[in-house]
C-alpha atoms as a PDB file:
ATOM      1  CA  MET A   1     111.998  97.829 -22.146  1.00  0.00           C
ATOM      2  CA  SER A   2     113.470  95.145 -19.776  1.00  0.00           C
ATOM      3  CA  GLY A   3     111.229  92.520 -21.212  1.00  0.00           C
ATOM      4  CA  LEU A   4     112.565  93.355 -24.777  1.00  0.00           C
ATOM      5  CA  VAL A   5     116.002  93.018 -23.531  1.00  0.00           C
ATOM      6  CA  LEU A   6     115.291  89.700 -21.830  1.00  0.00           C
ATOM      7  CA  ARG A   7     113.778  88.338 -25.027  1.00  0.00           C
ATOM      8  CA  LEU A   8     116.751  89.603 -27.037  1.00  0.00           C
ATOM      9  CA  ARG A   9     119.233  87.904 -24.701  1.00  0.00           C
ATOM     10  CA  THR A  10     117.312  84.684 -24.712  1.00  0.00           C
ATOM     11  CA  ARG A  11     117.136  84.601 -28.469  1.00  0.00           C
ATOM     12  CA  SER A  12     120.837  85.418 -28.648  1.00  0.00           C
ATOM     13  CA  ALA A  13     121.439  82.592 -26.147  1.00  0.00           C
ATOM     14  CA  LEU A  14     119.449  80.139 -28.257  1.00  0.00           C
ATOM     15  CA  VAL A  15     121.270  81.032 -31.410  1.00  0.00           C
ATOM     16  CA  LEU A  16     124.601  80.601 -29.546  1.00  0.00           C
ATOM     17  CA  VAL A  17     123.597  77.091 -28.398  1.00  0.00           C
ATOM     18  CA  ALA A  18     122.523  76.078 -31.804  1.00  0.00           C
ATOM     19  CA  VAL A  19     125.888  77.252 -33.473  1.00  0.00           C
ATOM     20  CA  LEU A  20     127.902  75.455 -30.765  1.00  0.00           C
ATOM     21  CA  ALA A  21     125.820  72.282 -31.407  1.00  0.00           C
ATOM     22  CA  MET A  22     126.354  72.532 -35.025  1.00  0.00           C
ATOM     23  CA  GLY A  23     130.268  73.037 -34.444  1.00  0.00           C
ATOM     24  CA  CYS A  24     130.324  70.012 -32.214  1.00  0.00           C
ATOM     25  CA  ALA A  25     128.369  67.868 -34.822  1.00  0.00           C
ATOM     26  CA  ASP A  26     130.799  69.042 -37.587  1.00  0.00           C
ATOM     27  CA  GLN A  27     133.778  68.329 -35.364  1.00  0.00           C
ATOM     28  CA  SER A  28     132.369  64.725 -34.665  1.00  0.00           C
ATOM     29  CA  ILE A  29     131.882  63.994 -38.337  1.00  0.00           C
ATOM     30  CA  LYS A  30     135.314  65.239 -39.186  1.00  0.00           C
ATOM     31  CA  GLN A  31     136.740  62.804 -36.617  1.00  0.00           C
ATOM     32  CA  MET A  32     134.819  59.861 -37.966  1.00  0.00           C
ATOM     33  CA  THR A  33     135.795  60.594 -41.616  1.00  0.00           C
ATOM     34  CA  THR A  34     139.534  61.325 -40.945  1.00  0.00           C
ATOM     35  CA  ARG A  35     142.021  58.509 -40.912  1.00  0.00           C
ATOM     36  CA  PRO A  36     143.271  57.968 -37.316  1.00  0.00           C
ATOM     37  CA  LYS A  37     147.032  57.830 -36.367  1.00  0.00           C
ATOM     38  CA  PRO A  38     148.266  54.223 -36.594  1.00  0.00           C
ATOM     39  CA  ALA A  39     150.124  52.623 -33.571  1.00  0.00           C
ATOM     40  CA  GLU A  40     153.583  53.361 -34.824  1.00  0.00           C
ATOM     41  CA  GLY A  41     155.606  54.772 -31.922  1.00  0.00           C
ATOM     42  CA  GLY A  42     154.307  57.559 -29.572  1.00  0.00           C
ATOM     43  CA  ALA A  43     150.682  57.802 -28.507  1.00  0.00           C
ATOM     44  CA  ALA A  44     148.316  55.969 -30.889  1.00  0.00           C
ATOM     45  CA  ASP A  45     144.904  57.227 -31.709  1.00  0.00           C
ATOM     46  CA  GLU A  46     142.302  55.331 -29.922  1.00  0.00           C
ATOM     47  CA  ARG A  47     139.905  55.313 -32.930  1.00  0.00           C
ATOM     48  CA  ARG A  48     139.748  52.354 -35.207  1.00  0.00           C
ATOM     49  CA  VAL A  49     139.064  52.155 -38.835  1.00  0.00           C
ATOM     50  CA  VAL A  50     135.624  50.564 -39.578  1.00  0.00           C
ATOM     51  CA  LEU A  51     135.506  49.391 -43.095  1.00  0.00           C
ATOM     52  CA  PHE A  52     132.212  48.631 -45.010  1.00  0.00           C
ATOM     53  CA  ARG A  53     130.513  48.685 -48.392  1.00  0.00           C
ATOM     54  CA  VAL A  54     127.126  49.410 -49.552  1.00  0.00           C
ATOM     55  CA  VAL A  55     125.497  48.071 -52.644  1.00  0.00           C
ATOM     56  CA  VAL A  56     122.076  49.181 -53.932  1.00  0.00           C
ATOM     57  CA  ASP A  57     120.838  46.557 -56.345  1.00  0.00           C
ATOM     58  CA  VAL A  58     118.114  47.638 -58.769  1.00  0.00           C
ATOM     59  CA  GLY A  59     116.898  44.525 -60.391  1.00  0.00           C
ATOM     60  CA  ASP A  60     119.962  42.618 -61.595  1.00  0.00           C
ATOM     61  CA  GLU A  61     122.140  45.709 -61.779  1.00  0.00           C
ATOM     62  CA  ALA A  62     123.969  47.682 -59.028  1.00  0.00           C
ATOM     63  CA  MET A  63     123.770  51.311 -58.782  1.00  0.00           C
ATOM     64  CA  GLU A  64     127.070  52.956 -59.740  1.00  0.00           C
ATOM     65  CA  ASP A  65     128.894  55.036 -57.131  1.00  0.00           C
ATOM     66  CA  PRO A  66     126.153  55.265 -54.546  1.00  0.00           C
ATOM     67  CA  TRP A  67     128.105  58.051 -52.634  1.00  0.00           C
ATOM     68  CA  ALA A  68     128.081  60.382 -55.736  1.00  0.00           C
ATOM     69  CA  VAL A  69     125.124  62.655 -56.775  1.00  0.00           C
ATOM     70  CA  HIS A  70     123.208  61.076 -59.514  1.00  0.00           C
ATOM     71  CA  TRP A  71     121.432  63.017 -62.253  1.00  0.00           C
ATOM     72  CA  SER A  72     118.137  61.710 -60.957  1.00  0.00           C
ATOM     73  CA  GLY A  73     118.904  63.041 -57.394  1.00  0.00           C
ATOM     74  CA  LEU A  74     119.827  59.637 -55.839  1.00  0.00           C
ATOM     75  CA  ARG A  75     122.620  59.631 -53.350  1.00  0.00           C
ATOM     76  CA  LEU A  76     123.345  57.822 -50.070  1.00  0.00           C
ATOM     77  CA  PHE A  77     124.784  59.128 -46.841  1.00  0.00           C
ATOM     78  CA  THR A  78     125.542  57.391 -43.576  1.00  0.00           C
ATOM     79  CA  VAL A  79     124.463  58.179 -39.945  1.00  0.00           C
ATOM     80  CA  VAL A  80     126.433  56.619 -36.984  1.00  0.00           C
ATOM     81  CA  GLY A  81     125.744  56.884 -33.390  1.00  0.00           C
ATOM     82  CA  PRO A  82     126.068  54.816 -30.103  1.00  0.00           C
ATOM     83  CA  ALA A  83     123.915  51.730 -29.761  1.00  0.00           C
ATOM     84  CA  GLY A  84     120.653  52.387 -28.408  1.00  0.00           C
ATOM     85  CA  ALA A  85     120.679  56.119 -28.909  1.00  0.00           C
ATOM     86  CA  LYS A  86     118.106  58.123 -30.946  1.00  0.00           C
ATOM     87  CA  LEU A  87     119.639  59.026 -34.327  1.00  0.00           C
ATOM     88  CA  THR A  88     116.943  61.289 -35.547  1.00  0.00           C
ATOM     89  CA  SER A  89     118.844  64.435 -34.340  1.00  0.00           C
ATOM     90  CA  LEU A  90     122.233  63.288 -35.791  1.00  0.00           C
ATOM     91  CA  HIS A  91     123.527  64.678 -39.126  1.00  0.00           C
ATOM     92  CA  SER A  92     124.061  62.443 -42.040  1.00  0.00           C
ATOM     93  CA  PHE A  93     127.554  62.614 -43.745  1.00  0.00           C
ATOM     94  CA  LEU A  94     129.650  60.827 -46.476  1.00  0.00           C
ATOM     95  CA  PRO A  95     131.904  58.243 -45.038  1.00  0.00           C
ATOM     96  CA  GLY A  96     135.697  58.408 -45.381  1.00  0.00           C
ATOM     97  CA  ARG A  97     137.229  57.176 -48.716  1.00  0.00           C
ATOM     98  CA  PRO A  98     139.772  54.241 -48.594  1.00  0.00           C
ATOM     99  CA  ASP A  99     140.707  55.310 -52.147  1.00  0.00           C
ATOM    100  CA  ALA A 100     138.920  56.666 -55.248  1.00  0.00           C
ATOM    101  CA  ALA A 101     138.364  53.440 -56.978  1.00  0.00           C
ATOM    102  CA  SER A 102     136.923  51.555 -54.006  1.00  0.00           C
ATOM    103  CA  SER A 103     134.869  54.491 -52.976  1.00  0.00           C
ATOM    104  CA  ASP A 104     133.307  54.601 -56.407  1.00  0.00           C
ATOM    105  CA  ASN A 105     132.396  50.993 -55.877  1.00  0.00           C
ATOM    106  CA  GLY A 106     130.448  51.697 -52.588  1.00  0.00           C
ATOM    107  CA  TRP A 107     133.290  51.262 -49.968  1.00  0.00           C
ATOM    108  CA  GLY A 108     133.826  53.696 -47.161  1.00  0.00           C
ATOM    109  CA  PHE A 109     135.019  53.846 -43.620  1.00  0.00           C
ATOM    110  CA  VAL A 110     134.322  55.588 -40.335  1.00  0.00           C
ATOM    111  CA  ALA A 111     136.895  56.052 -37.500  1.00  0.00           C
ATOM    112  CA  LEU A 112     135.448  55.057 -34.058  1.00  0.00           C
ATOM    113  CA  SER A 113     136.581  54.316 -30.646  1.00  0.00           C
ATOM    114  CA  PRO A 114     135.973  50.733 -29.200  1.00  0.00           C
ATOM    115  CA  GLY A 115     132.332  50.253 -28.363  1.00  0.00           C
ATOM    116  CA  ALA A 116     128.790  49.212 -29.618  1.00  0.00           C
ATOM    117  CA  TYR A 117     127.295  51.396 -32.474  1.00  0.00           C
ATOM    118  CA  GLN A 118     124.477  51.510 -35.000  1.00  0.00           C
ATOM    119  CA  LEU A 119     124.799  52.550 -38.659  1.00  0.00           C
ATOM    120  CA  VAL A 120     121.889  53.983 -40.742  1.00  0.00           C
ATOM    121  CA  PHE A 121     121.844  54.963 -44.425  1.00  0.00           C
ATOM    122  CA  GLU A 122     120.228  58.074 -45.538  1.00  0.00           C
ATOM    123  CA  GLY A 123     119.013  58.086 -49.222  1.00  0.00           C
ATOM    124  CA  ASN A 124     117.914  60.929 -51.272  1.00  0.00           C
ATOM    125  CA  ALA A 125     115.019  60.277 -53.855  1.00  0.00           C
ATOM    126  CA  MET A 126     114.614  56.921 -52.064  1.00  0.00           C
ATOM    127  CA  ARG A 127     112.330  55.096 -49.648  1.00  0.00           C
ATOM    128  CA  PHE A 128     113.068  52.315 -47.439  1.00  0.00           C
ATOM    129  CA  ALA A 129     109.836  50.111 -47.213  1.00  0.00           C
ATOM    130  CA  MET A 130     111.011  48.348 -44.137  1.00  0.00           C
ATOM    131  CA  GLN A 131     110.011  48.264 -40.450  1.00  0.00           C
ATOM    132  CA  GLY A 132     111.734  50.909 -38.467  1.00  0.00           C
ATOM    133  CA  ALA A 133     112.691  53.115 -41.476  1.00  0.00           C
ATOM    134  CA  GLN A 134     112.084  56.885 -41.647  1.00  0.00           C
ATOM    135  CA  PHE A 135     110.669  58.748 -44.714  1.00  0.00           C
ATOM    136  CA  TYR A 136     110.393  62.349 -45.111  1.00  0.00           C
ATOM    137  CA  GLY A 137     108.016  63.094 -48.193  1.00  0.00           C
ATOM    138  CA  LEU A 138     109.468  66.269 -49.421  1.00  0.00           C
ATOM    139  CA  GLU A 139     108.081  67.162 -52.725  1.00  0.00           C
ATOM    140  CA  ALA A 140     111.314  68.470 -54.240  1.00  0.00           C
ATOM    141  CA  LEU A 141     113.564  65.566 -53.014  1.00  0.00           C
ATOM    142  CA  PRO A 142     112.349  62.721 -50.865  1.00  0.00           C
ATOM    143  CA  VAL A 143     114.784  61.658 -48.098  1.00  0.00           C
ATOM    144  CA  ALA A 144     114.619  58.291 -46.242  1.00  0.00           C
ATOM    145  CA  ARG A 145     116.477  56.738 -43.525  1.00  0.00           C
ATOM    146  CA  SER A 146     117.003  52.825 -43.203  1.00  0.00           C
ATOM    147  CA  PRO A 147     116.377  50.977 -40.000  1.00  0.00           C
ATOM    148  CA  PRO A 148     119.633  50.726 -37.983  1.00  0.00           C
ATOM    149  CA  SER A 149     122.248  47.838 -38.312  1.00  0.00           C
ATOM    150  CA  THR A 150     124.339  47.302 -35.233  1.00  0.00           C
ATOM    151  CA  PHE A 151     128.000  46.492 -34.849  1.00  0.00           C
ATOM    152  CA  THR A 152     130.759  46.421 -32.295  1.00  0.00           C
ATOM    153  CA  VAL A 153     134.272  47.982 -32.543  1.00  0.00           C
ATOM    154  CA  PRO A 154     136.634  45.736 -30.640  1.00  0.00           C
ATOM    155  CA  ALA A 155     139.557  47.110 -28.496  1.00  0.00           C
ATOM    156  CA  ASP A 156     142.090  45.284 -30.145  1.00  0.00           C
ATOM    157  CA  GLY A 157     143.294  45.778 -33.638  1.00  0.00           C
ATOM    158  CA  ASN A 158     143.052  48.838 -35.794  1.00  0.00           C
ATOM    159  CA  LEU A 159     141.070  47.763 -38.855  1.00  0.00           C
ATOM    160  CA  ILE A 160     137.690  46.141 -38.709  1.00  0.00           C
ATOM    161  CA  TYR A 161     135.452  45.106 -41.597  1.00  0.00           C
ATOM    162  CA  ILE A 162     131.725  44.980 -40.566  1.00  0.00           C
ATOM    163  CA  GLY A 163     130.209  43.849 -43.817  1.00  0.00           C
ATOM    164  CA  THR A 164     128.668  44.679 -47.224  1.00  0.00           C
ATOM    165  CA  PHE A 165     125.189  46.177 -46.724  1.00  0.00           C
ATOM    166  CA  VAL A 166     123.089  45.206 -49.663  1.00  0.00           C
ATOM    167  CA  PHE A 167     119.704  46.838 -50.392  1.00  0.00           C
ATOM    168  CA  ALA A 168     117.369  45.096 -52.879  1.00  0.00           C
ATOM    169  CA  CYS A 169     115.384  48.083 -54.666  1.00  0.00           C
ATOM    170  CA  GLN A 170     113.089  48.588 -57.520  1.00  0.00           C
ATOM    171  CA  GLU A 171     111.586  51.559 -59.190  1.00  0.00           C
ATOM    172  CA  PRO A 172     108.250  52.522 -57.482  1.00  0.00           C
ATOM    173  CA  MET A 173     105.027  51.692 -59.578  1.00  0.00           C
ATOM    174  CA  SER A 174     103.296  54.753 -58.613  1.00  0.00           C
ATOM    175  CA  ALA A 175     104.910  57.493 -56.615  1.00  0.00           C
ATOM    176  CA  PRO A 176     105.889  61.244 -57.046  1.00  0.00           C
ATOM    177  CA  GLU A 177     108.292  61.825 -59.866  1.00  0.00           C
ATOM    178  CA  SER A 178     110.994  62.824 -57.452  1.00  0.00           C
ATOM    179  CA  LEU A 179     110.992  59.429 -55.747  1.00  0.00           C
ATOM    180  CA  LYS A 180     113.176  57.136 -57.902  1.00  0.00           C
ATOM    181  CA  LEU A 181     113.876  54.034 -55.775  1.00  0.00           C
ATOM    182  CA  GLU A 182     111.905  51.952 -53.274  1.00  0.00           C
ATOM    183  CA  CYS A 183     114.087  49.413 -51.177  1.00  0.00           C
ATOM    184  CA  LYS A 184     112.425  46.521 -49.475  1.00  0.00           C
ATOM    185  CA  THR A 185     115.196  44.476 -47.913  1.00  0.00           C
ATOM    186  CA  LEU A 186     118.646  44.958 -46.341  1.00  0.00           C
ATOM    187  CA  GLU A 187     121.157  42.213 -46.048  1.00  0.00           C
ATOM    188  CA  VAL A 188     124.580  42.164 -44.647  1.00  0.00           C
ATOM    189  CA  ARG A 189     127.021  40.088 -46.792  1.00  0.00           C
ATOM    190  CA  ASP A 190     130.562  38.843 -46.108  1.00  0.00           C
ATOM    191  CA  GLU A 191     133.027  40.135 -48.781  1.00  0.00           C
ATOM    192  CA  SER A 192     136.035  39.724 -46.628  1.00  0.00           C
ATOM    193  CA  LYS A 193     138.256  38.846 -49.573  1.00  0.00           C
ATOM    194  CA  ALA A 194     137.542  42.039 -51.340  1.00  0.00           C
ATOM    195  CA  ALA A 195     137.934  43.825 -48.047  1.00  0.00           C
ATOM    196  CA  GLN A 196     141.247  42.210 -47.590  1.00  0.00           C
ATOM    197  CA  GLN A 197     142.403  43.596 -50.976  1.00  0.00           C
ATOM    198  CA  ILE A 198     141.557  47.273 -49.761  1.00  0.00           C
ATOM    199  CA  ALA A 199     143.166  46.655 -46.465  1.00  0.00           C
ATOM    200  CA  GLN A 200     146.452  45.512 -48.006  1.00  0.00           C
ATOM    201  CA  THR A 201     146.563  48.529 -50.422  1.00  0.00           C
ATOM    202  CA  ALA A 202     144.700  51.572 -49.298  1.00  0.00           C
ATOM    203  CA  LEU A 203     144.686  50.823 -45.579  1.00  0.00           C
ATOM    204  CA  VAL A 204     147.934  48.810 -45.253  1.00  0.00           C
ATOM    205  CA  LYS A 205     149.417  50.983 -42.253  1.00  0.00           C
ATOM    206  CA  TYR A 206     146.688  49.820 -40.001  1.00  0.00           C
ATOM    207  CA  GLY A 207     147.971  46.184 -40.057  1.00  0.00           C
ATOM    208  CA  ALA A 208     145.847  42.908 -40.158  1.00  0.00           C
ATOM    209  CA  MET A 209     142.154  43.357 -40.777  1.00  0.00           C
ATOM    210  CA  GLN A 210     139.704  41.867 -38.528  1.00  0.00           C
ATOM    211  CA  GLU A 211     136.172  40.805 -39.373  1.00  0.00           C
ATOM    212  CA  ALA A 212     133.194  41.526 -37.120  1.00  0.00           C
ATOM    213  CA  LEU A 213     130.091  41.630 -39.233  1.00  0.00           C
ATOM    214  CA  ALA A 214     127.243  43.900 -38.419  1.00  0.00           C
ATOM    215  CA  THR A 215     123.790  42.698 -37.443  1.00  0.00           C
ATOM    216  CA  PRO A 216     121.171  43.809 -39.800  1.00  0.00           C
ATOM    217  CA  PRO A 217     117.801  45.068 -38.670  1.00  0.00           C
ATOM    218  CA  GLN A 218     114.885  42.741 -38.803  1.00  0.00           C
ATOM    219  CA  ALA A 219     113.535  44.344 -41.775  1.00  0.00           C
ATOM    220  CA  LYS A 220     110.136  43.281 -42.949  1.00  0.00           C
ATOM    221  CA  ALA A 221     108.549  44.600 -46.131  1.00  0.00           C
ATOM    222  CA  ARG A 222     105.569  46.761 -45.334  1.00  0.00           C
END
């Protein structure tokens, strides 16, 4: 009897730990996707707005609204964590929206305290054919994670643009029907002029935008 009680208590404790961990993860994601309080009198939020864009090029055409669910199952998410940390256990999420129009065009933001970070993109119905990428070959819906790019959030300033992440992709020649795209390269481009336009409209309360481009992974096709 005592052994049964011990097992039940142990199982209950493990369930409680899992629930608390999930709650902490949800809270962390909420903080990253919620706009911080700008420095306008009183105590300012220590988080900075980190602005970026993702482009999925398929041939000569960019995929429309990469953050939305496509009829084919395609969709992108982000994963953000401290530099050097393992990201496999971190949950993916949709970034914050500067505004509806820019979000439809691949723009997003995360709110982070100053420090060094890494950014990974998670794709449904996609495969990142790059060194350091992860692929979960689920039959119903393949899920992949790109190799991480690294970036730094400086202590000064409230708004930082870290670049436009451009994936060069193609439809796979032979693959399960559920796999729609295979991406072979990732490049970080400078679209600071376009970022400035968003900064001066949707994010104007955060003041002047700084530019600190992320470092892309040394992605080699495999």
